[in-house]
Amino acid sequence: MTEKTLKEAQDFLTITRDDQVKRLIDIELLLERYPTTIVLSFLKDLLKEKQKALRDLVVTDKTTPRVNTVIGNMFRIHMAIRTIERETEVKAA
């Protein structure tokens, strides 16, 4: 995986708030230890878990701020997946 793609995917999984940086997932570390296919599978499984959590939240309390947080996290995970898959597709072609 190129350094540019890795940085872009990590940027989607990093939140900066009040001058503090929080990584939802340290994808750089994961990709050092595991193949890209395993990391993609992990991210997709995590996205499914977040979708289930969102369904549960909506059923119990639609007004909770956690709904926004889960949706934001889902979007970030989805975009990181797409970023990695886009490079994988380019290499395969």
PDB file of N, CA and C in Angstrom:
ATOM      1  N   MET A   1       0.855  -1.168   0.000  1.00  0.00           N
ATOM      2  CA  MET A   1       0.000   0.000   0.000  1.00  0.00           C
ATOM      3  C   MET A   1       0.903   1.234   0.000  1.00  0.00           C
ATOM      4  N   THR A   2       0.501   2.224  -0.777  1.00  0.00           N
ATOM      5  CA  THR A   2       1.316   3.435  -0.846  1.00  0.00           C
ATOM      6  C   THR A   2       1.166   4.257   0.430  1.00  0.00           C
ATOM      7  N   GLU A   3       2.175   5.047   0.679  1.00  0.00           N
ATOM      8  CA  GLU A   3       2.171   5.933   1.857  1.00  0.00           C
ATOM      9  C   GLU A   3       0.999   6.924   1.788  1.00  0.00           C
ATOM     10  N   LYS A   4       0.690   7.392   0.583  1.00  0.00           N
ATOM     11  CA  LYS A   4      -0.418   8.343   0.397  1.00  0.00           C
ATOM     12  C   LYS A   4      -1.759   7.710   0.788  1.00  0.00           C
ATOM     13  N   THR A   5      -1.985   6.495   0.332  1.00  0.00           N
ATOM     14  CA  THR A   5      -3.236   5.791   0.649  1.00  0.00           C
ATOM     15  C   THR A   5      -3.323   5.498   2.140  1.00  0.00           C
ATOM     16  N   LEU A   6      -2.220   5.074   2.711  1.00  0.00           N
ATOM     17  CA  LEU A   6      -2.185   4.795   4.148  1.00  0.00           C
ATOM     18  C   LEU A   6      -2.523   6.045   4.957  1.00  0.00           C
ATOM     19  N   LYS A   7      -1.929   7.171   4.582  1.00  0.00           N
ATOM     20  CA  LYS A   7      -2.194   8.428   5.288  1.00  0.00           C
ATOM     21  C   LYS A   7      -3.652   8.853   5.126  1.00  0.00           C
ATOM     22  N   GLU A   8      -4.184   8.720   3.916  1.00  0.00           N
ATOM     23  CA  GLU A   8      -5.568   9.102   3.662  1.00  0.00           C
ATOM     24  C   GLU A   8      -6.536   8.249   4.487  1.00  0.00           C
ATOM     25  N   ALA A   9      -6.305   6.945   4.518  1.00  0.00           N
ATOM     26  CA  ALA A   9      -7.158   6.051   5.300  1.00  0.00           C
ATOM     27  C   ALA A   9      -7.046   6.378   6.791  1.00  0.00           C
ATOM     28  N   GLN A  10      -5.819   6.619   7.270  1.00  0.00           N
ATOM     29  CA  GLN A  10      -5.630   6.950   8.683  1.00  0.00           C
ATOM     30  C   GLN A  10      -6.288   8.285   9.027  1.00  0.00           C
ATOM     31  N   ASP A  11      -6.236   9.246   8.100  1.00  0.00           N
ATOM     32  CA  ASP A  11      -6.877  10.539   8.339  1.00  0.00           C
ATOM     33  C   ASP A  11      -8.386  10.384   8.570  1.00  0.00           C
ATOM     34  N   PHE A  12      -9.008   9.463   7.837  1.00  0.00           N
ATOM     35  CA  PHE A  12     -10.440   9.218   8.052  1.00  0.00           C
ATOM     36  C   PHE A  12     -10.696   8.628   9.434  1.00  0.00           C
ATOM     37  N   LEU A  13      -9.722   7.911   9.958  1.00  0.00           N
ATOM     38  CA  LEU A  13      -9.886   7.234  11.244  1.00  0.00           C
ATOM     39  C   LEU A  13      -9.284   8.016  12.406  1.00  0.00           C
ATOM     40  N   THR A  14      -9.006   9.297  12.181  1.00  0.00           N
ATOM     41  CA  THR A  14      -8.423  10.153  13.209  1.00  0.00           C
ATOM     42  C   THR A  14      -9.320  11.363  13.426  1.00  0.00           C
ATOM     43  N   ILE A  15      -9.579  11.670  14.693  1.00  0.00           N
ATOM     44  CA  ILE A  15     -10.420  12.814  15.046  1.00  0.00           C
ATOM     45  C   ILE A  15      -9.584  13.795  15.847  1.00  0.00           C
ATOM     46  N   THR A  16      -9.650  15.070  15.472  1.00  0.00           N
ATOM     47  CA  THR A  16      -8.982  16.122  16.224  1.00  0.00           C
ATOM     48  C   THR A  16     -10.061  16.989  16.861  1.00  0.00           C
ATOM     49  N   ARG A  17      -9.999  17.102  18.181  1.00  0.00           N
ATOM     50  CA  ARG A  17     -10.996  17.890  18.905  1.00  0.00           C
ATOM     51  C   ARG A  17     -10.280  18.577  20.066  1.00  0.00           C
ATOM     52  N   ASP A  18     -10.487  19.888  20.169  1.00  0.00           N
ATOM     53  CA  ASP A  18      -9.870  20.664  21.253  1.00  0.00           C
ATOM     54  C   ASP A  18      -8.361  20.418  21.322  1.00  0.00           C
ATOM     55  N   ASP A  19      -7.707  20.485  20.177  1.00  0.00           N
ATOM     56  CA  ASP A  19      -6.255  20.291  20.075  1.00  0.00           C
ATOM     57  C   ASP A  19      -5.788  18.918  20.555  1.00  0.00           C
ATOM     58  N   GLN A  20      -6.696  17.959  20.617  1.00  0.00           N
ATOM     59  CA  GLN A  20      -6.333  16.590  20.974  1.00  0.00           C
ATOM     60  C   GLN A  20      -6.606  15.685  19.776  1.00  0.00           C
ATOM     61  N   VAL A  21      -5.678  14.800  19.514  1.00  0.00           N
ATOM     62  CA  VAL A  21      -5.815  13.870  18.404  1.00  0.00           C
ATOM     63  C   VAL A  21      -6.195  12.506  18.959  1.00  0.00           C
ATOM     64  N   LYS A  22      -7.266  11.950  18.394  1.00  0.00           N
ATOM     65  CA  LYS A  22      -7.719  10.626  18.824  1.00  0.00           C
ATOM     66  C   LYS A  22      -7.858   9.742  17.591  1.00  0.00           C
ATOM     67  N   ARG A  23      -7.179   8.620  17.610  1.00  0.00           N
ATOM     68  CA  ARG A  23      -7.312   7.660  16.518  1.00  0.00           C
ATOM     69  C   ARG A  23      -8.391   6.654  16.892  1.00  0.00           C
ATOM     70  N   LEU A  24      -9.401   6.553  16.031  1.00  0.00           N
ATOM     71  CA  LEU A  24     -10.424   5.533  16.245  1.00  0.00           C
ATOM     72  C   LEU A  24      -9.781   4.156  16.126  1.00  0.00           C
ATOM     73  N   ILE A  25      -8.936   4.016  15.117  1.00  0.00           N
ATOM     74  CA  ILE A  25      -8.211   2.779  14.864  1.00  0.00           C
ATOM     75  C   ILE A  25      -6.841   3.176  14.332  1.00  0.00           C
ATOM     76  N   ASP A  26      -5.803   2.526  14.819  1.00  0.00           N
ATOM     77  CA  ASP A  26      -4.464   2.784  14.307  1.00  0.00           C
ATOM     78  C   ASP A  26      -4.216   1.833  13.144  1.00  0.00           C
ATOM     79  N   ILE A  27      -4.661   2.257  11.981  1.00  0.00           N
ATOM     80  CA  ILE A  27      -4.582   1.400  10.802  1.00  0.00           C
ATOM     81  C   ILE A  27      -3.134   1.165  10.378  1.00  0.00           C
ATOM     82  N   GLU A  28      -2.266   2.133  10.641  1.00  0.00           N
ATOM     83  CA  GLU A  28      -0.856   1.970  10.287  1.00  0.00           C
ATOM     84  C   GLU A  28      -0.258   0.775  11.034  1.00  0.00           C
ATOM     85  N   LEU A  29      -0.540   0.696  12.308  1.00  0.00           N
ATOM     86  CA  LEU A  29      -0.039  -0.413  13.116  1.00  0.00           C
ATOM     87  C   LEU A  29      -0.627  -1.745  12.646  1.00  0.00           C
ATOM     88  N   LEU A  30      -1.925  -1.752  12.365  1.00  0.00           N
ATOM     89  CA  LEU A  30      -2.565  -2.986  11.887  1.00  0.00           C
ATOM     90  C   LEU A  30      -1.943  -3.470  10.592  1.00  0.00           C
ATOM     91  N   LEU A  31      -1.689  -2.530   9.663  1.00  0.00           N
ATOM     92  CA  LEU A  31      -1.136  -2.916   8.367  1.00  0.00           C
ATOM     93  C   LEU A  31       0.326  -3.340   8.456  1.00  0.00           C
ATOM     94  N   GLU A  32       1.006  -2.935   9.502  1.00  0.00           N
ATOM     95  CA  GLU A  32       2.374  -3.415   9.720  1.00  0.00           C
ATOM     96  C   GLU A  32       2.360  -4.876  10.148  1.00  0.00           C
ATOM     97  N   ARG A  33       1.307  -5.263  10.864  1.00  0.00           N
ATOM     98  CA  ARG A  33       1.252  -6.605  11.445  1.00  0.00           C
ATOM     99  C   ARG A  33       0.455  -7.611  10.633  1.00  0.00           C
ATOM    100  N   TYR A  34      -0.515  -7.116   9.843  1.00  0.00           N
ATOM    101  CA  TYR A  34      -1.426  -8.017   9.136  1.00  0.00           C
ATOM    102  C   TYR A  34      -1.533  -7.636   7.660  1.00  0.00           C
ATOM    103  N   PRO A  35      -1.889  -8.613   6.820  1.00  0.00           N
ATOM    104  CA  PRO A  35      -2.089  -8.305   5.394  1.00  0.00           C
ATOM    105  C   PRO A  35      -3.301  -7.380   5.202  1.00  0.00           C
ATOM    106  N   THR A  36      -3.297  -6.687   4.088  1.00  0.00           N
ATOM    107  CA  THR A  36      -4.367  -5.739   3.781  1.00  0.00           C
ATOM    108  C   THR A  36      -5.736  -6.410   3.801  1.00  0.00           C
ATOM    109  N   THR A  37      -5.837  -7.630   3.295  1.00  0.00           N
ATOM    110  CA  THR A  37      -7.135  -8.316   3.251  1.00  0.00           C
ATOM    111  C   THR A  37      -7.692  -8.553   4.654  1.00  0.00           C
ATOM    112  N   ILE A  38      -6.827  -8.867   5.593  1.00  0.00           N
ATOM    113  CA  ILE A  38      -7.260  -9.090   6.978  1.00  0.00           C
ATOM    114  C   ILE A  38      -7.727  -7.779   7.599  1.00  0.00           C
ATOM    115  N   VAL A  39      -7.007  -6.707   7.345  1.00  0.00           N
ATOM    116  CA  VAL A  39      -7.371  -5.402   7.891  1.00  0.00           C
ATOM    117  C   VAL A  39      -8.702  -4.943   7.302  1.00  0.00           C
ATOM    118  N   LEU A  40      -8.892  -5.143   6.007  1.00  0.00           N
ATOM    119  CA  LEU A  40     -10.174  -4.787   5.378  1.00  0.00           C
ATOM    120  C   LEU A  40     -11.318  -5.598   5.984  1.00  0.00           C
ATOM    121  N   SER A  41     -11.090  -6.866   6.182  1.00  0.00           N
ATOM    122  CA  SER A  41     -12.108  -7.723   6.790  1.00  0.00           C
ATOM    123  C   SER A  41     -12.452  -7.222   8.195  1.00  0.00           C
ATOM    124  N   PHE A  42     -11.435  -6.855   8.969  1.00  0.00           N
ATOM    125  CA  PHE A  42     -11.647  -6.316  10.315  1.00  0.00           C
ATOM    126  C   PHE A  42     -12.481  -5.035  10.255  1.00  0.00           C
ATOM    127  N   LEU A  43     -12.135  -4.122   9.343  1.00  0.00           N
ATOM    128  CA  LEU A  43     -12.867  -2.862   9.232  1.00  0.00           C
ATOM    129  C   LEU A  43     -14.321  -3.095   8.827  1.00  0.00           C
ATOM    130  N   LYS A  44     -14.539  -4.044   7.920  1.00  0.00           N
ATOM    131  CA  LYS A  44     -15.912  -4.354   7.497  1.00  0.00           C
ATOM    132  C   LYS A  44     -16.717  -4.959   8.645  1.00  0.00           C
ATOM    133  N   ASP A  45     -16.092  -5.832   9.423  1.00  0.00           N
ATOM    134  CA  ASP A  45     -16.768  -6.404  10.594  1.00  0.00           C
ATOM    135  C   ASP A  45     -17.089  -5.316  11.616  1.00  0.00           C
ATOM    136  N   LEU A  46     -16.155  -4.407  11.817  1.00  0.00           N
ATOM    137  CA  LEU A  46     -16.381  -3.302  12.745  1.00  0.00           C
ATOM    138  C   LEU A  46     -17.526  -2.425  12.272  1.00  0.00           C
ATOM    139  N   LEU A  47     -17.599  -2.173  10.976  1.00  0.00           N
ATOM    140  CA  LEU A  47     -18.695  -1.388  10.416  1.00  0.00           C
ATOM    141  C   LEU A  47     -20.038  -2.071  10.665  1.00  0.00           C
ATOM    142  N   LYS A  48     -20.088  -3.386  10.506  1.00  0.00           N
ATOM    143  CA  LYS A  48     -21.324  -4.130  10.777  1.00  0.00           C
ATOM    144  C   LYS A  48     -21.720  -4.015  12.245  1.00  0.00           C
ATOM    145  N   GLU A  49     -20.744  -4.075  13.145  1.00  0.00           N
ATOM    146  CA  GLU A  49     -21.035  -3.924  14.569  1.00  0.00           C
ATOM    147  C   GLU A  49     -21.598  -2.540  14.870  1.00  0.00           C
ATOM    148  N   LYS A  50     -21.037  -1.527  14.231  1.00  0.00           N
ATOM    149  CA  LYS A  50     -21.528  -0.159  14.426  1.00  0.00           C
ATOM    150  C   LYS A  50     -22.952  -0.027  13.894  1.00  0.00           C
ATOM    151  N   GLN A  51     -23.265  -0.689  12.779  1.00  0.00           N
ATOM    152  CA  GLN A  51     -24.615  -0.657  12.226  1.00  0.00           C
ATOM    153  C   GLN A  51     -25.613  -1.286  13.202  1.00  0.00           C
ATOM    154  N   LYS A  52     -25.216  -2.397  13.816  1.00  0.00           N
ATOM    155  CA  LYS A  52     -26.077  -3.038  14.811  1.00  0.00           C
ATOM    156  C   LYS A  52     -26.275  -2.126  16.018  1.00  0.00           C
ATOM    157  N   ALA A  53     -25.199  -1.492  16.458  1.00  0.00           N
ATOM    158  CA  ALA A  53     -25.293  -0.567  17.597  1.00  0.00           C
ATOM    159  C   ALA A  53     -26.224   0.590  17.264  1.00  0.00           C
ATOM    160  N   LEU A  54     -26.138   1.087  16.035  1.00  0.00           N
ATOM    161  CA  LEU A  54     -27.010   2.186  15.620  1.00  0.00           C
ATOM    162  C   LEU A  54     -28.473   1.749  15.631  1.00  0.00           C
ATOM    163  N   ARG A  55     -28.744   0.550  15.122  1.00  0.00           N
ATOM    164  CA  ARG A  55     -30.119   0.040  15.145  1.00  0.00           C
ATOM    165  C   ARG A  55     -30.646  -0.027  16.580  1.00  0.00           C
ATOM    166  N   ASP A  56     -29.826  -0.531  17.488  1.00  0.00           N
ATOM    167  CA  ASP A  56     -30.233  -0.630  18.889  1.00  0.00           C
ATOM    168  C   ASP A  56     -30.485   0.749  19.490  1.00  0.00           C
ATOM    169  N   LEU A  57     -29.619   1.700  19.184  1.00  0.00           N
ATOM    170  CA  LEU A  57     -29.797   3.057  19.707  1.00  0.00           C
ATOM    171  C   LEU A  57     -31.084   3.695  19.199  1.00  0.00           C
ATOM    172  N   VAL A  58     -31.353   3.516  17.920  1.00  0.00           N
ATOM    173  CA  VAL A  58     -32.551   4.120  17.333  1.00  0.00           C
ATOM    174  C   VAL A  58     -33.810   3.509  17.934  1.00  0.00           C
ATOM    175  N   VAL A  59     -33.765   2.235  18.235  1.00  0.00           N
ATOM    176  CA  VAL A  59     -34.924   1.569  18.838  1.00  0.00           C
ATOM    177  C   VAL A  59     -35.153   2.076  20.266  1.00  0.00           C
ATOM    178  N   THR A  60     -34.067   2.276  21.010  1.00  0.00           N
ATOM    179  CA  THR A  60     -34.207   2.659  22.411  1.00  0.00           C
ATOM    180  C   THR A  60     -34.375   4.157  22.627  1.00  0.00           C
ATOM    181  N   ASP A  61     -33.553   4.971  21.937  1.00  0.00           N
ATOM    182  CA  ASP A  61     -33.624   6.423  22.152  1.00  0.00           C
ATOM    183  C   ASP A  61     -33.036   7.159  20.955  1.00  0.00           C
ATOM    184  N   LYS A  62     -33.903   7.624  20.077  1.00  0.00           N
ATOM    185  CA  LYS A  62     -33.468   8.308  18.864  1.00  0.00           C
ATOM    186  C   LYS A  62     -32.803   9.645  19.143  1.00  0.00           C
ATOM    187  N   THR A  63     -33.023  10.215  20.311  1.00  0.00           N
ATOM    188  CA  THR A  63     -32.544  11.563  20.608  1.00  0.00           C
ATOM    189  C   THR A  63     -31.165  11.598  21.258  1.00  0.00           C
ATOM    190  N   THR A  64     -30.621  10.460  21.584  1.00  0.00           N
ATOM    191  CA  THR A  64     -29.325  10.438  22.256  1.00  0.00           C
ATOM    192  C   THR A  64     -28.210  10.936  21.336  1.00  0.00           C
ATOM    193  N   PRO A  65     -27.284  11.707  21.857  1.00  0.00           N
ATOM    194  CA  PRO A  65     -26.158  12.179  21.045  1.00  0.00           C
ATOM    195  C   PRO A  65     -25.265  11.040  20.541  1.00  0.00           C
ATOM    196  N   ARG A  66     -25.370   9.889  21.156  1.00  0.00           N
ATOM    197  CA  ARG A  66     -24.577   8.730  20.703  1.00  0.00           C
ATOM    198  C   ARG A  66     -24.919   8.340  19.277  1.00  0.00           C
ATOM    199  N   VAL A  67     -26.162   8.617  18.843  1.00  0.00           N
ATOM    200  CA  VAL A  67     -26.548   8.315  17.461  1.00  0.00           C
ATOM    201  C   VAL A  67     -25.614   9.062  16.503  1.00  0.00           C
ATOM    202  N   ASN A  68     -25.390  10.340  16.774  1.00  0.00           N
ATOM    203  CA  ASN A  68     -24.501  11.146  15.923  1.00  0.00           C
ATOM    204  C   ASN A  68     -23.078  10.592  15.931  1.00  0.00           C
ATOM    205  N   THR A  69     -22.612  10.202  17.098  1.00  0.00           N
ATOM    206  CA  THR A  69     -21.257   9.672  17.229  1.00  0.00           C
ATOM    207  C   THR A  69     -21.105   8.378  16.435  1.00  0.00           C
ATOM    208  N   VAL A  70     -22.070   7.489  16.561  1.00  0.00           N
ATOM    209  CA  VAL A  70     -21.996   6.203  15.853  1.00  0.00           C
ATOM    210  C   VAL A  70     -22.058   6.425  14.344  1.00  0.00           C
ATOM    211  N   ILE A  71     -22.929   7.320  13.902  1.00  0.00           N
ATOM    212  CA  ILE A  71     -23.032   7.611  12.466  1.00  0.00           C
ATOM    213  C   ILE A  71     -21.718   8.194  11.951  1.00  0.00           C
ATOM    214  N   GLY A  72     -21.140   9.101  12.705  1.00  0.00           N
ATOM    215  CA  GLY A  72     -19.857   9.677  12.309  1.00  0.00           C
ATOM    216  C   GLY A  72     -18.763   8.632  12.213  1.00  0.00           C
ATOM    217  N   ASN A  73     -18.717   7.750  13.192  1.00  0.00           N
ATOM    218  CA  ASN A  73     -17.719   6.675  13.178  1.00  0.00           C
ATOM    219  C   ASN A  73     -17.945   5.727  12.001  1.00  0.00           C
ATOM    220  N   MET A  74     -19.205   5.425  11.722  1.00  0.00           N
ATOM    221  CA  MET A  74     -19.523   4.551  10.592  1.00  0.00           C
ATOM    222  C   MET A  74     -19.049   5.183   9.284  1.00  0.00           C
ATOM    223  N   PHE A  75     -19.293   6.476   9.129  1.00  0.00           N
ATOM    224  CA  PHE A  75     -18.867   7.166   7.916  1.00  0.00           C
ATOM    225  C   PHE A  75     -17.351   7.102   7.776  1.00  0.00           C
ATOM    226  N   ARG A  76     -16.637   7.362   8.858  1.00  0.00           N
ATOM    227  CA  ARG A  76     -15.179   7.359   8.821  1.00  0.00           C
ATOM    228  C   ARG A  76     -14.630   5.965   8.478  1.00  0.00           C
ATOM    229  N   ILE A  77     -15.204   4.940   9.072  1.00  0.00           N
ATOM    230  CA  ILE A  77     -14.771   3.573   8.788  1.00  0.00           C
ATOM    231  C   ILE A  77     -15.054   3.222   7.331  1.00  0.00           C
ATOM    232  N   HIS A  78     -16.240   3.585   6.864  1.00  0.00           N
ATOM    233  CA  HIS A  78     -16.627   3.323   5.472  1.00  0.00           C
ATOM    234  C   HIS A  78     -15.647   4.000   4.502  1.00  0.00           C
ATOM    235  N   MET A  79     -15.306   5.245   4.756  1.00  0.00           N
ATOM    236  CA  MET A  79     -14.404   5.971   3.874  1.00  0.00           C
ATOM    237  C   MET A  79     -12.995   5.368   3.900  1.00  0.00           C
ATOM    238  N   ALA A  80     -12.545   4.907   5.050  1.00  0.00           N
ATOM    239  CA  ALA A  80     -11.239   4.247   5.132  1.00  0.00           C
ATOM    240  C   ALA A  80     -11.256   2.952   4.320  1.00  0.00           C
ATOM    241  N   ILE A  81     -12.338   2.200   4.411  1.00  0.00           N
ATOM    242  CA  ILE A  81     -12.481   0.967   3.630  1.00  0.00           C
ATOM    243  C   ILE A  81     -12.411   1.283   2.140  1.00  0.00           C
ATOM    244  N   ARG A  82     -13.179   2.274   1.712  1.00  0.00           N
ATOM    245  CA  ARG A  82     -13.202   2.650   0.295  1.00  0.00           C
ATOM    246  C   ARG A  82     -11.826   3.105  -0.191  1.00  0.00           C
ATOM    247  N   THR A  83     -11.114   3.832   0.647  1.00  0.00           N
ATOM    248  CA  THR A  83      -9.780   4.311   0.283  1.00  0.00           C
ATOM    249  C   THR A  83      -8.839   3.133   0.029  1.00  0.00           C
ATOM    250  N   ILE A  84      -8.867   2.160   0.921  1.00  0.00           N
ATOM    251  CA  ILE A  84      -8.000   0.987   0.774  1.00  0.00           C
ATOM    252  C   ILE A  84      -8.438   0.143  -0.422  1.00  0.00           C
ATOM    253  N   GLU A  85      -9.737  -0.065  -0.564  1.00  0.00           N
ATOM    254  CA  GLU A  85     -10.246  -0.867  -1.676  1.00  0.00           C
ATOM    255  C   GLU A  85      -9.932  -0.220  -3.022  1.00  0.00           C
ATOM    256  N   ARG A  86     -10.004   1.094  -3.089  1.00  0.00           N
ATOM    257  CA  ARG A  86      -9.717   1.803  -4.333  1.00  0.00           C
ATOM    258  C   ARG A  86      -8.291   1.499  -4.799  1.00  0.00           C
ATOM    259  N   GLU A  87      -7.339   1.529  -3.865  1.00  0.00           N
ATOM    260  CA  GLU A  87      -5.957   1.203  -4.253  1.00  0.00           C
ATOM    261  C   GLU A  87      -5.833  -0.260  -4.636  1.00  0.00           C
ATOM    262  N   THR A  88      -6.510  -1.136  -3.915  1.00  0.00           N
ATOM    263  CA  THR A  88      -6.449  -2.564  -4.219  1.00  0.00           C
ATOM    264  C   THR A  88      -6.994  -2.834  -5.618  1.00  0.00           C
ATOM    265  N   GLU A  89      -8.073  -2.137  -6.000  1.00  0.00           N
ATOM    266  CA  GLU A  89      -8.667  -2.305  -7.312  1.00  0.00           C
ATOM    267  C   GLU A  89      -7.711  -1.816  -8.403  1.00  0.00           C
ATOM    268  N   VAL A  90      -7.037  -0.711  -8.145  1.00  0.00           N
ATOM    269  CA  VAL A  90      -6.099  -0.156  -9.122  1.00  0.00           C
ATOM    270  C   VAL A  90      -4.946  -1.130  -9.343  1.00  0.00           C
ATOM    271  N   LYS A  91      -4.433  -1.722  -8.256  1.00  0.00           N
ATOM    272  CA  LYS A  91      -3.326  -2.681  -8.391  1.00  0.00           C
ATOM    273  C   LYS A  91      -3.752  -3.936  -9.139  1.00  0.00           C
ATOM    274  N   ALA A  92      -5.013  -4.357  -8.949  1.00  0.00           N
ATOM    275  CA  ALA A  92      -5.505  -5.570  -9.575  1.00  0.00           C
ATOM    276  C   ALA A  92      -5.718  -5.383 -11.088  1.00  0.00           C
ATOM    277  N   ALA A  93      -5.977  -4.148 -11.487  1.00  0.00           N
ATOM    278  CA  ALA A  93      -6.264  -3.881 -12.915  1.00  0.00           C
ATOM    279  C   ALA A  93      -5.045  -3.897 -13.789  1.00  0.00           C
TER     280      ALA A  93
END
